[in-house]
Amino acid sequence: MARTAGSHSALTAPRIRAAAQSLFARHGFAAVSMRQIASEVGVQVGALYNYTPDKQSLLFDLMVDHLDDLMRALDAEPLPEDPMQALEGFARFHIRHHAARPEAVFIAYMELRNLSPENFAQVEALRHRYEDRLTAILTRGQAEGQFRIGDPRITTMAIIAMLTGVNTWFRETGRLRLDEVETMYWDMTRQLVGG
């Protein structure tokens, strides 16, 4: 059966994004050309411009998609009202979600410097929405006397940096299972807040 132009387009756009994500994660945004992305997908370089205006737009779209996916997943995660239990839920969620998406996470954190100022501002706003959820948990726990922390915002940055760091070393083939890593990192997080 012949494929229509519309369905071909619908199939090609995700392939372009997947190829760009893989190449950016392996080689870095600056080192990857549109020609390389086209070659990876199996299309002429000129055809890429039917799907994206430029490489910067591809990077921006990948980051926004990652952050939108992250927020949707967090919204679907029922976090308890109790601050300590909510913090544990957040920590475990963060590790699980990010471990399943190493390329997207690498790009989201390491390629920020390559965004245009306008795109950077939009991505930062999305990141703050996610961070604000953790800050709210920490603020509530501080107010209720469960957490012994100074500044909830700084504590948010410390916790997210620590939890995201799992992606730099965790491998499914390593000596620890992901659930074991979650438990160890939850213990460190709990100690960090004085729990």
C-alpha atoms as a PDB file:
ATOM      1  CA  MET A   1       0.000   0.000   0.000  1.00  0.00           C
ATOM      2  CA  ALA A   2       1.379   3.449  -0.904  1.00  0.00           C
ATOM      3  CA  ARG A   3       2.168   5.735   1.993  1.00  0.00           C
ATOM      4  CA  THR A   4       0.620   9.182   1.825  1.00  0.00           C
ATOM      5  CA  ALA A   5       2.748  12.309   2.080  1.00  0.00           C
ATOM      6  CA  GLY A   6       1.073  13.163   5.382  1.00  0.00           C
ATOM      7  CA  SER A   7       1.884   9.829   6.999  1.00  0.00           C
ATOM      8  CA  HIS A   8       5.453   9.974   5.660  1.00  0.00           C
ATOM      9  CA  SER A   9       5.816  13.403   7.251  1.00  0.00           C
ATOM     10  CA  ALA A  10       4.382  12.120  10.528  1.00  0.00           C
ATOM     11  CA  LEU A  11       6.957   9.326  10.567  1.00  0.00           C
ATOM     12  CA  THR A  12       9.934  11.456   9.524  1.00  0.00           C
ATOM     13  CA  ALA A  13       9.565  14.231  12.119  1.00  0.00           C
ATOM     14  CA  PRO A  14       9.992  11.881  15.141  1.00  0.00           C
ATOM     15  CA  ARG A  15      12.925  10.168  13.399  1.00  0.00           C
ATOM     16  CA  ILE A  16      14.630  13.537  12.918  1.00  0.00           C
ATOM     17  CA  ARG A  17      14.152  14.401  16.578  1.00  0.00           C
ATOM     18  CA  ALA A  18      15.389  10.978  17.710  1.00  0.00           C
ATOM     19  CA  ALA A  19      18.465  11.237  15.488  1.00  0.00           C
ATOM     20  CA  ALA A  20      19.214  14.760  16.685  1.00  0.00           C
ATOM     21  CA  GLN A  21      18.847  13.711  20.323  1.00  0.00           C
ATOM     22  CA  SER A  22      21.180  10.760  19.881  1.00  0.00           C
ATOM     23  CA  LEU A  23      23.797  12.776  17.993  1.00  0.00           C
ATOM     24  CA  PHE A  24      23.658  15.749  20.392  1.00  0.00           C
ATOM     25  CA  ALA A  25      24.047  13.399  23.369  1.00  0.00           C
ATOM     26  CA  ARG A  26      26.983  11.516  21.810  1.00  0.00           C
ATOM     27  CA  HIS A  27      28.915  14.360  20.205  1.00  0.00           C
ATOM     28  CA  GLY A  28      27.582  17.588  21.679  1.00  0.00           C
ATOM     29  CA  PHE A  29      25.300  20.116  20.024  1.00  0.00           C
ATOM     30  CA  ALA A  30      28.106  22.275  18.607  1.00  0.00           C
ATOM     31  CA  ALA A  31      29.834  19.338  16.903  1.00  0.00           C
ATOM     32  CA  VAL A  32      26.736  18.037  15.091  1.00  0.00           C
ATOM     33  CA  SER A  33      25.734  19.384  11.690  1.00  0.00           C
ATOM     34  CA  MET A  34      22.374  19.321   9.986  1.00  0.00           C
ATOM     35  CA  ARG A  35      24.057  17.166   7.325  1.00  0.00           C
ATOM     36  CA  GLN A  36      24.873  14.532   9.973  1.00  0.00           C
ATOM     37  CA  ILE A  37      21.293  14.539  11.234  1.00  0.00           C
ATOM     38  CA  ALA A  38      19.989  14.140   7.676  1.00  0.00           C
ATOM     39  CA  SER A  39      22.394  11.274   7.035  1.00  0.00           C
ATOM     40  CA  GLU A  40      21.314   9.515  10.232  1.00  0.00           C
ATOM     41  CA  VAL A  41      17.653   9.746   9.167  1.00  0.00           C
ATOM     42  CA  GLY A  42      18.330   8.896   5.524  1.00  0.00           C
ATOM     43  CA  VAL A  43      17.011  12.101   3.958  1.00  0.00           C
ATOM     44  CA  GLN A  44      18.615  14.910   1.990  1.00  0.00           C
ATOM     45  CA  VAL A  45      19.813  17.776   4.163  1.00  0.00           C
ATOM     46  CA  GLY A  46      17.412  20.162   2.430  1.00  0.00           C
ATOM     47  CA  ALA A  47      14.490  17.971   3.494  1.00  0.00           C
ATOM     48  CA  LEU A  48      15.235  18.669   7.165  1.00  0.00           C
ATOM     49  CA  TYR A  49      14.085  22.235   6.723  1.00  0.00           C
ATOM     50  CA  ASN A  50      10.574  20.972   5.984  1.00  0.00           C
ATOM     51  CA  TYR A  51      10.492  19.843   9.634  1.00  0.00           C
ATOM     52  CA  THR A  52      12.588  22.402  11.504  1.00  0.00           C
ATOM     53  CA  PRO A  53      13.891  25.877  10.687  1.00  0.00           C
ATOM     54  CA  ASP A  54      17.352  25.192  12.129  1.00  0.00           C
ATOM     55  CA  LYS A  55      19.474  23.183  14.573  1.00  0.00           C
ATOM     56  CA  GLN A  56      18.743  25.613  17.435  1.00  0.00           C
ATOM     57  CA  SER A  57      15.018  24.922  17.065  1.00  0.00           C
ATOM     58  CA  LEU A  58      15.682  21.180  17.230  1.00  0.00           C
ATOM     59  CA  LEU A  59      17.632  21.593  20.467  1.00  0.00           C
ATOM     60  CA  PHE A  60      14.949  23.818  21.962  1.00  0.00           C
ATOM     61  CA  ASP A  61      12.155  21.417  20.986  1.00  0.00           C
ATOM     62  CA  LEU A  62      14.019  18.456  22.515  1.00  0.00           C
ATOM     63  CA  MET A  63      14.454  20.311  25.804  1.00  0.00           C
ATOM     64  CA  VAL A  64      10.855  21.511  25.939  1.00  0.00           C
ATOM     65  CA  ASP A  65       9.572  18.015  25.147  1.00  0.00           C
ATOM     66  CA  HIS A  66      11.721  16.566  27.929  1.00  0.00           C
ATOM     67  CA  LEU A  67      10.481  19.101  30.475  1.00  0.00           C
ATOM     68  CA  ASP A  68       6.837  18.776  29.403  1.00  0.00           C
ATOM     69  CA  ASP A  69       7.129  14.989  29.702  1.00  0.00           C
ATOM     70  CA  LEU A  70       8.726  15.391  33.132  1.00  0.00           C
ATOM     71  CA  MET A  71       5.893  17.606  34.395  1.00  0.00           C
ATOM     72  CA  ARG A  72       3.193  15.309  32.996  1.00  0.00           C
ATOM     73  CA  ALA A  73       4.823  12.340  34.714  1.00  0.00           C
ATOM     74  CA  LEU A  74       5.174  14.222  38.012  1.00  0.00           C
ATOM     75  CA  ASP A  75       1.543  15.354  37.827  1.00  0.00           C
ATOM     76  CA  ALA A  76       0.553  11.698  37.439  1.00  0.00           C
ATOM     77  CA  GLU A  77       2.630  10.701  40.492  1.00  0.00           C
ATOM     78  CA  PRO A  78       0.492  10.859  43.647  1.00  0.00           C
ATOM     79  CA  LEU A  79       2.685  12.491  46.304  1.00  0.00           C
ATOM     80  CA  PRO A  80       1.450  12.263  49.908  1.00  0.00           C
ATOM     81  CA  GLU A  81       0.585  15.365  51.942  1.00  0.00           C
ATOM     82  CA  ASP A  82       3.151  14.497  54.608  1.00  0.00           C
ATOM     83  CA  PRO A  83       6.334  16.414  53.652  1.00  0.00           C
ATOM     84  CA  MET A  84       8.763  13.581  54.459  1.00  0.00           C
ATOM     85  CA  GLN A  85       6.745  11.061  52.481  1.00  0.00           C
ATOM     86  CA  ALA A  86       6.286  13.566  49.643  1.00  0.00           C
ATOM     87  CA  LEU A  87      10.037  14.204  49.565  1.00  0.00           C
ATOM     88  CA  GLU A  88      10.711  10.476  49.352  1.00  0.00           C
ATOM     89  CA  GLY A  89       8.189  10.141  46.534  1.00  0.00           C
ATOM     90  CA  PHE A  90       9.761  13.043  44.661  1.00  0.00           C
ATOM     91  CA  ALA A  91      13.313  11.701  45.085  1.00  0.00           C
ATOM     92  CA  ARG A  92      12.403   8.223  43.902  1.00  0.00           C
ATOM     93  CA  PHE A  93      10.347   9.597  41.008  1.00  0.00           C
ATOM     94  CA  HIS A  94      13.197  11.863  39.880  1.00  0.00           C
ATOM     95  CA  ILE A  95      15.720   9.039  39.791  1.00  0.00           C
ATOM     96  CA  ARG A  96      13.400   6.582  38.006  1.00  0.00           C
ATOM     97  CA  HIS A  97      12.165   9.073  35.440  1.00  0.00           C
ATOM     98  CA  HIS A  98      15.611  10.387  34.575  1.00  0.00           C
ATOM     99  CA  ALA A  99      17.346   6.989  34.531  1.00  0.00           C
ATOM    100  CA  ALA A 100      14.989   5.883  31.751  1.00  0.00           C
ATOM    101  CA  ARG A 101      15.938   8.899  29.569  1.00  0.00           C
ATOM    102  CA  PRO A 102      19.730   9.366  29.738  1.00  0.00           C
ATOM    103  CA  GLU A 103      20.110  11.146  26.389  1.00  0.00           C
ATOM    104  CA  ALA A 104      17.282  13.604  27.026  1.00  0.00           C
ATOM    105  CA  VAL A 105      18.607  14.337  30.525  1.00  0.00           C
ATOM    106  CA  PHE A 106      22.160  14.886  29.289  1.00  0.00           C
ATOM    107  CA  ILE A 107      20.956  17.362  26.682  1.00  0.00           C
ATOM    108  CA  ALA A 108      18.573  19.125  29.094  1.00  0.00           C
ATOM    109  CA  TYR A 109      21.372  19.824  31.574  1.00  0.00           C
ATOM    110  CA  MET A 110      24.550  20.026  29.488  1.00  0.00           C
ATOM    111  CA  GLU A 111      23.389  21.911  26.406  1.00  0.00           C
ATOM    112  CA  LEU A 112      21.669  24.867  28.059  1.00  0.00           C
ATOM    113  CA  ARG A 113      24.664  27.018  27.125  1.00  0.00           C
ATOM    114  CA  ASN A 114      23.873  26.498  23.442  1.00  0.00           C
ATOM    115  CA  LEU A 115      20.359  27.921  23.614  1.00  0.00           C
ATOM    116  CA  SER A 116      19.668  31.411  22.326  1.00  0.00           C
ATOM    117  CA  PRO A 117      18.804  33.861  25.137  1.00  0.00           C
ATOM    118  CA  GLU A 118      15.094  33.742  24.256  1.00  0.00           C
ATOM    119  CA  ASN A 119      14.999  29.951  24.187  1.00  0.00           C
ATOM    120  CA  PHE A 120      17.063  29.745  27.372  1.00  0.00           C
ATOM    121  CA  ALA A 121      14.546  31.941  29.189  1.00  0.00           C
ATOM    122  CA  GLN A 122      11.646  29.695  28.134  1.00  0.00           C
ATOM    123  CA  VAL A 123      13.452  26.486  29.120  1.00  0.00           C
ATOM    124  CA  GLU A 124      14.464  27.991  32.468  1.00  0.00           C
ATOM    125  CA  ALA A 125      10.834  28.898  33.162  1.00  0.00           C
ATOM    126  CA  LEU A 126       9.814  25.279  32.537  1.00  0.00           C
ATOM    127  CA  ARG A 127      12.622  23.988  34.760  1.00  0.00           C
ATOM    128  CA  HIS A 128      11.504  26.328  37.536  1.00  0.00           C
ATOM    129  CA  ARG A 129       7.988  24.852  37.397  1.00  0.00           C
ATOM    130  CA  TYR A 130       9.454  21.450  38.187  1.00  0.00           C
ATOM    131  CA  GLU A 131      11.844  22.766  40.844  1.00  0.00           C
ATOM    132  CA  ASP A 132       9.001  24.730  42.453  1.00  0.00           C
ATOM    133  CA  ARG A 133       7.242  21.460  43.244  1.00  0.00           C
ATOM    134  CA  LEU A 134      10.221  20.315  45.310  1.00  0.00           C
ATOM    135  CA  THR A 135      10.646  23.741  46.897  1.00  0.00           C
ATOM    136  CA  ALA A 136       6.982  23.621  48.009  1.00  0.00           C
ATOM    137  CA  ILE A 137       7.565  20.240  49.701  1.00  0.00           C
ATOM    138  CA  LEU A 138      10.676  21.551  51.447  1.00  0.00           C
ATOM    139  CA  THR A 139       8.970  24.772  52.544  1.00  0.00           C
ATOM    140  CA  ARG A 140       6.054  22.808  54.000  1.00  0.00           C
ATOM    141  CA  GLY A 141       8.403  20.427  55.802  1.00  0.00           C
ATOM    142  CA  GLN A 142      10.407  23.340  57.179  1.00  0.00           C
ATOM    143  CA  ALA A 143       7.267  25.091  58.425  1.00  0.00           C
ATOM    144  CA  GLU A 144       6.049  21.904  60.102  1.00  0.00           C
ATOM    145  CA  GLY A 145       9.423  21.310  61.757  1.00  0.00           C
ATOM    146  CA  GLN A 146      10.159  18.085  59.891  1.00  0.00           C
ATOM    147  CA  PHE A 147      13.093  19.512  57.915  1.00  0.00           C
ATOM    148  CA  ARG A 148      16.074  21.325  59.390  1.00  0.00           C
ATOM    149  CA  ILE A 149      17.129  23.376  56.381  1.00  0.00           C
ATOM    150  CA  GLY A 150      18.140  26.979  55.828  1.00  0.00           C
ATOM    151  CA  ASP A 151      16.913  28.091  52.415  1.00  0.00           C
ATOM    152  CA  PRO A 152      14.387  25.779  50.688  1.00  0.00           C
ATOM    153  CA  ARG A 153      15.378  27.050  47.220  1.00  0.00           C
ATOM    154  CA  ILE A 154      19.077  26.320  47.739  1.00  0.00           C
ATOM    155  CA  THR A 155      18.181  22.932  49.199  1.00  0.00           C
ATOM    156  CA  THR A 156      16.082  22.275  46.093  1.00  0.00           C
ATOM    157  CA  MET A 157      19.089  22.942  43.860  1.00  0.00           C
ATOM    158  CA  ALA A 158      21.312  20.672  45.967  1.00  0.00           C
ATOM    159  CA  ILE A 159      18.827  17.788  45.956  1.00  0.00           C
ATOM    160  CA  ILE A 160      18.108  17.985  42.231  1.00  0.00           C
ATOM    161  CA  ALA A 161      21.832  18.141  41.398  1.00  0.00           C
ATOM    162  CA  MET A 162      22.497  15.105  43.580  1.00  0.00           C
ATOM    163  CA  LEU A 163      19.591  13.054  42.211  1.00  0.00           C
ATOM    164  CA  THR A 164      20.309  13.935  38.582  1.00  0.00           C
ATOM    165  CA  GLY A 165      23.918  12.887  39.118  1.00  0.00           C
ATOM    166  CA  VAL A 166      22.754   9.260  39.131  1.00  0.00           C
ATOM    167  CA  ASN A 167      22.528   9.525  35.336  1.00  0.00           C
ATOM    168  CA  THR A 168      26.266  10.109  35.028  1.00  0.00           C
ATOM    169  CA  TRP A 169      27.202   6.716  36.453  1.00  0.00           C
ATOM    170  CA  PHE A 170      24.229   4.344  36.742  1.00  0.00           C
ATOM    171  CA  ARG A 171      24.128   1.448  34.274  1.00  0.00           C
ATOM    172  CA  GLU A 172      21.522  -1.316  34.181  1.00  0.00           C
ATOM    173  CA  THR A 173      24.391  -3.796  33.856  1.00  0.00           C
ATOM    174  CA  GLY A 174      26.146  -2.469  36.983  1.00  0.00           C
ATOM    175  CA  ARG A 175      26.302  -4.106  40.409  1.00  0.00           C
ATOM    176  CA  LEU A 176      23.303  -2.184  41.824  1.00  0.00           C
ATOM    177  CA  ARG A 177      19.687  -2.314  40.737  1.00  0.00           C
ATOM    178  CA  LEU A 178      17.892   0.986  40.235  1.00  0.00           C
ATOM    179  CA  ASP A 179      15.605   0.397  43.233  1.00  0.00           C
ATOM    180  CA  GLU A 180      18.704  -0.060  45.423  1.00  0.00           C
ATOM    181  CA  VAL A 181      20.146   3.198  44.106  1.00  0.00           C
ATOM    182  CA  GLU A 182      16.817   4.929  44.797  1.00  0.00           C
ATOM    183  CA  THR A 183      16.906   3.765  48.401  1.00  0.00           C
ATOM    184  CA  MET A 184      20.513   4.893  48.930  1.00  0.00           C
ATOM    185  CA  TYR A 185      19.843   8.296  47.397  1.00  0.00           C
ATOM    186  CA  TRP A 186      16.641   8.663  49.387  1.00  0.00           C
ATOM    187  CA  ASP A 187      18.650   8.022  52.560  1.00  0.00           C
ATOM    188  CA  MET A 188      21.159  10.736  51.556  1.00  0.00           C
ATOM    189  CA  THR A 189      18.311  13.127  50.724  1.00  0.00           C
ATOM    190  CA  ARG A 190      16.640  12.471  54.086  1.00  0.00           C
ATOM    191  CA  GLN A 191      19.915  13.164  55.891  1.00  0.00           C
ATOM    192  CA  LEU A 192      20.391  16.356  53.881  1.00  0.00           C
ATOM    193  CA  VAL A 193      17.122  17.770  55.225  1.00  0.00           C
ATOM    194  CA  GLY A 194      17.862  16.596  58.764  1.00  0.00           C
ATOM    195  CA  GLY A 195      15.260  13.862  58.743  1.00  0.00           C
END
